[in-house]
Amino acid sequence: MVRNPERRTALVDAAIEVLAREGARGLTFRAVDTEAKVPPGTASNYFTSRDDLFTQAGRHIHVRMTPDPAEVSEAMRPAPSRELVGSLMRWLLRRIVKERTGYLAMLELRLEATRRPELREALTEAVRAELEANIAFHLEAGLPGDADTVRLLYFAMTGLLIEHLTLPGVLGDDLGDDTAERLVEMVVDRVLGT
């Protein structure tokens, strides 16, 4: 296997783009080479198999979607409160909408993980670690609620994001142009109380 970390990262990022645009069936070495604008056969020099490509994309996608620590510090400037939790959830919504490609690729990876045990193991480990880190962050920051509060927010936001990014018409427009943000507020109100 070739050992050029920058090239490997570029190929994995290309794989994420292909996943979001074409789905798991479209993720081939050739498609990754084309997306990364590298010579044909390059991806096959970096990944032992298609399973390896899926697993590497599954491990890397969380790195790609993790916010910049400076942005987190800025978002955490206000005092811990219910309002700050609402602000953080709206910020999460805006970040995911901005990184729509990464989120859609993650959905494809989750579906593919039901058929690929190695990918399932890698994604489970990454998602579990991220959820646990979010719980620890919430508690250490003194935000209202406990670990179960964070889990409920996670499950509610996951469902809302899936609908908003894949079938936005399901949410309807009866709440106005900012339907998703208003739904986030409702989620926070119901989970934390008003």
Protein backbone atom coordinates (compact mmCIF):
# COMPACT_ATOMS: atom_id res chain seq x y z
CA MET A 1 0.00 0.00 0.00
CA VAL A 2 1.14 3.50 -0.85
CA ARG A 3 1.93 5.75 2.15
CA ASN A 4 1.07 9.32 1.20
CA PRO A 5 -1.30 10.57 3.94
CA GLU A 6 -2.36 13.71 2.05
CA ARG A 7 -3.28 11.70 -1.04
CA ARG A 8 -5.15 9.13 1.10
CA THR A 9 -7.15 11.93 2.76
CA ALA A 10 -7.95 13.46 -0.62
CA LEU A 11 -9.16 10.07 -1.87
CA VAL A 12 -11.30 9.50 1.23
CA ASP A 13 -12.81 12.99 0.84
CA ALA A 14 -13.52 12.13 -2.81
CA ALA A 15 -15.19 8.90 -1.65
CA ILE A 16 -17.43 10.92 0.68
CA GLU A 17 -18.44 13.19 -2.21
CA VAL A 18 -19.23 10.16 -4.39
CA LEU A 19 -21.27 8.55 -1.60
CA ALA A 20 -23.36 11.67 -1.12
CA ARG A 21 -23.98 12.14 -4.83
CA GLU A 22 -24.26 8.56 -6.14
CA GLY A 23 -24.89 6.41 -3.10
CA ALA A 24 -23.09 3.26 -2.02
CA ARG A 25 -23.56 1.56 -5.38
CA GLY A 26 -21.70 4.39 -7.08
CA LEU A 27 -18.68 4.14 -4.80
CA THR A 28 -16.07 2.51 -6.99
CA PHE A 29 -12.32 3.01 -7.25
CA ARG A 30 -12.85 4.53 -10.69
CA ALA A 31 -15.44 7.01 -9.37
CA VAL A 32 -13.11 8.01 -6.52
CA ASP A 33 -10.20 8.49 -8.95
CA THR A 34 -12.39 10.65 -11.17
CA GLU A 35 -13.70 12.73 -8.26
CA ALA A 36 -10.19 13.22 -6.84
CA LYS A 37 -8.85 14.05 -10.33
CA VAL A 38 -6.04 11.51 -10.06
CA PRO A 39 -4.84 8.94 -12.59
CA PRO A 40 -6.95 5.78 -12.98
CA GLY A 41 -5.86 3.08 -10.57
CA THR A 42 -4.72 5.47 -7.85
CA ALA A 43 -7.42 4.55 -5.33
CA SER A 44 -6.67 0.85 -5.72
CA ASN A 45 -3.11 1.61 -4.61
CA TYR A 46 -4.38 3.09 -1.34
CA PHE A 47 -7.23 0.76 -0.40
CA THR A 48 -7.10 -3.02 -0.31
CA SER A 49 -10.74 -3.44 -1.29
CA ARG A 50 -14.04 -1.64 -1.61
CA ASP A 51 -14.77 -2.67 2.00
CA ASP A 52 -11.55 -0.92 3.04
CA LEU A 53 -12.65 2.20 1.14
CA PHE A 54 -16.02 2.21 2.93
CA THR A 55 -14.35 1.70 6.32
CA GLN A 56 -11.82 4.48 5.75
CA ALA A 57 -14.62 6.84 4.68
CA GLY A 58 -16.57 5.85 7.81
CA ARG A 59 -13.60 6.65 10.04
CA HIS A 60 -12.80 9.94 8.29
CA ILE A 61 -16.26 11.44 7.96
CA HIS A 62 -16.40 12.42 11.63
CA VAL A 63 -13.10 14.24 11.32
CA ARG A 64 -14.49 16.14 8.38
CA MET A 65 -17.70 17.06 10.18
CA THR A 66 -16.15 18.06 13.52
CA PRO A 67 -16.40 21.82 14.12
CA ASP A 68 -13.33 23.97 14.48
CA PRO A 69 -12.44 24.36 18.19
CA ALA A 70 -12.41 28.17 17.78
CA GLU A 71 -16.02 28.02 16.54
CA VAL A 72 -16.97 25.90 19.55
CA SER A 73 -15.30 28.38 21.91
CA GLU A 74 -17.16 31.25 20.28
CA ALA A 75 -20.49 29.38 20.49
CA MET A 76 -19.88 28.66 24.20
CA ARG A 77 -19.25 32.28 25.22
CA PRO A 78 -22.72 32.87 26.73
CA ALA A 79 -23.45 31.52 30.20
CA PRO A 80 -24.87 27.98 30.36
CA SER A 81 -28.65 28.14 29.98
CA ARG A 82 -31.64 26.69 28.17
CA GLU A 83 -31.21 29.49 25.61
CA LEU A 84 -27.61 28.45 24.98
CA VAL A 85 -28.72 24.86 24.38
CA GLY A 86 -31.24 26.15 21.81
CA SER A 87 -28.54 28.28 20.21
CA LEU A 88 -26.17 25.30 20.03
CA MET A 89 -28.84 23.09 18.45
CA ARG A 90 -29.62 25.76 15.82
CA TRP A 91 -25.87 26.11 15.20
CA LEU A 92 -25.68 22.33 14.72
CA LEU A 93 -28.55 22.50 12.21
CA ARG A 94 -26.83 25.27 10.23
CA ARG A 95 -23.48 23.41 10.28
CA ILE A 96 -25.06 20.19 9.02
CA VAL A 97 -27.01 21.99 6.30
CA LYS A 98 -23.76 23.65 5.23
CA GLU A 99 -21.97 20.25 5.25
CA ARG A 100 -24.94 18.51 3.60
CA THR A 101 -22.65 16.33 1.50
CA GLY A 102 -20.94 14.88 4.56
CA TYR A 103 -24.22 14.19 6.31
CA LEU A 104 -25.76 12.49 3.28
CA ALA A 105 -22.60 10.40 2.90
CA MET A 106 -22.94 9.44 6.56
CA LEU A 107 -26.50 8.26 5.93
CA GLU A 108 -25.24 6.15 3.03
CA LEU A 109 -22.50 4.73 5.23
CA ARG A 110 -25.02 3.88 7.95
CA LEU A 111 -27.15 1.96 5.48
CA GLU A 112 -24.14 0.19 4.03
CA ALA A 113 -23.00 -0.71 7.56
CA THR A 114 -26.04 -2.98 7.87
CA ARG A 115 -24.36 -5.18 5.24
CA ARG A 116 -20.66 -4.72 6.06
CA PRO A 117 -19.60 -5.85 9.56
CA GLU A 118 -16.22 -4.06 9.51
CA LEU A 119 -17.87 -0.79 8.51
CA ARG A 120 -20.56 -1.30 11.15
CA GLU A 121 -17.86 -1.77 13.78
CA ALA A 122 -15.95 1.35 12.69
CA LEU A 123 -19.08 3.54 12.50
CA THR A 124 -20.45 2.25 15.80
CA GLU A 125 -17.17 3.05 17.51
CA ALA A 126 -16.97 6.53 15.97
CA VAL A 127 -20.61 7.49 16.59
CA ARG A 128 -20.58 6.12 20.13
CA ALA A 129 -17.36 8.01 20.93
CA GLU A 130 -18.82 11.21 19.50
CA LEU A 131 -22.04 10.84 21.48
CA GLU A 132 -20.11 10.17 24.68
CA ALA A 133 -17.89 13.20 23.99
CA ASN A 134 -21.01 15.32 23.47
CA ILE A 135 -22.47 14.11 26.75
CA ALA A 136 -19.23 14.88 28.59
CA PHE A 137 -19.02 18.31 26.93
CA HIS A 138 -22.61 19.13 27.90
CA LEU A 139 -22.11 18.10 31.53
CA GLU A 140 -18.70 19.76 31.90
CA ALA A 141 -20.03 23.00 30.41
CA GLY A 142 -22.77 23.10 33.06
CA LEU A 143 -25.56 23.12 30.48
CA PRO A 144 -29.01 22.23 31.80
CA GLY A 145 -29.98 18.57 31.82
CA ASP A 146 -28.18 15.30 32.26
CA ALA A 147 -26.78 12.56 30.03
CA ASP A 148 -30.29 11.42 29.09
CA THR A 149 -31.11 14.99 28.03
CA VAL A 150 -28.21 14.90 25.58
CA ARG A 151 -29.30 11.50 24.27
CA LEU A 152 -32.86 12.75 23.71
CA LEU A 153 -31.59 15.86 21.91
CA TYR A 154 -29.33 13.63 19.79
CA PHE A 155 -32.17 11.32 18.76
CA ALA A 156 -34.57 14.19 18.05
CA MET A 157 -31.97 16.16 16.06
CA THR A 158 -30.96 13.09 14.08
CA GLY A 159 -34.55 12.54 12.96
CA LEU A 160 -35.10 16.20 12.18
CA LEU A 161 -31.88 16.38 10.15
CA ILE A 162 -32.74 13.27 8.15
CA GLU A 163 -36.10 14.73 7.17
CA HIS A 164 -34.76 18.23 6.53
CA LEU A 165 -31.92 17.03 4.27
CA THR A 166 -33.64 14.20 2.43
CA LEU A 167 -37.38 14.94 2.30
CA PRO A 168 -37.86 18.54 3.47
CA GLY A 169 -41.48 18.55 2.30
CA VAL A 170 -42.33 16.10 5.10
CA LEU A 171 -41.80 18.89 7.64
CA GLY A 172 -44.30 21.06 5.81
CA ASP A 173 -44.13 24.80 5.60
CA ASP A 174 -46.88 25.62 8.08
CA LEU A 175 -44.26 27.10 10.44
CA GLY A 176 -42.86 29.46 7.81
CA ASP A 177 -39.53 29.69 6.01
CA ASP A 178 -37.57 28.81 9.13
CA THR A 179 -39.44 25.53 9.76
CA ALA A 180 -36.38 23.50 10.76
CA GLU A 181 -35.06 26.14 13.17
CA ARG A 182 -38.48 26.51 14.77
CA LEU A 183 -38.72 22.73 15.14
CA VAL A 184 -35.31 22.77 16.84
CA GLU A 185 -36.71 25.29 19.33
CA MET A 186 -39.70 23.03 19.98
CA VAL A 187 -37.40 20.05 20.53
CA VAL A 188 -35.30 21.98 23.04
CA ASP A 189 -38.43 23.32 24.79
CA ARG A 190 -39.95 19.85 25.09
CA VAL A 191 -36.75 18.13 26.20
CA LEU A 192 -35.58 20.82 28.65
CA GLY A 193 -38.90 22.46 29.43
CA THR A 194 -39.56 26.15 28.82
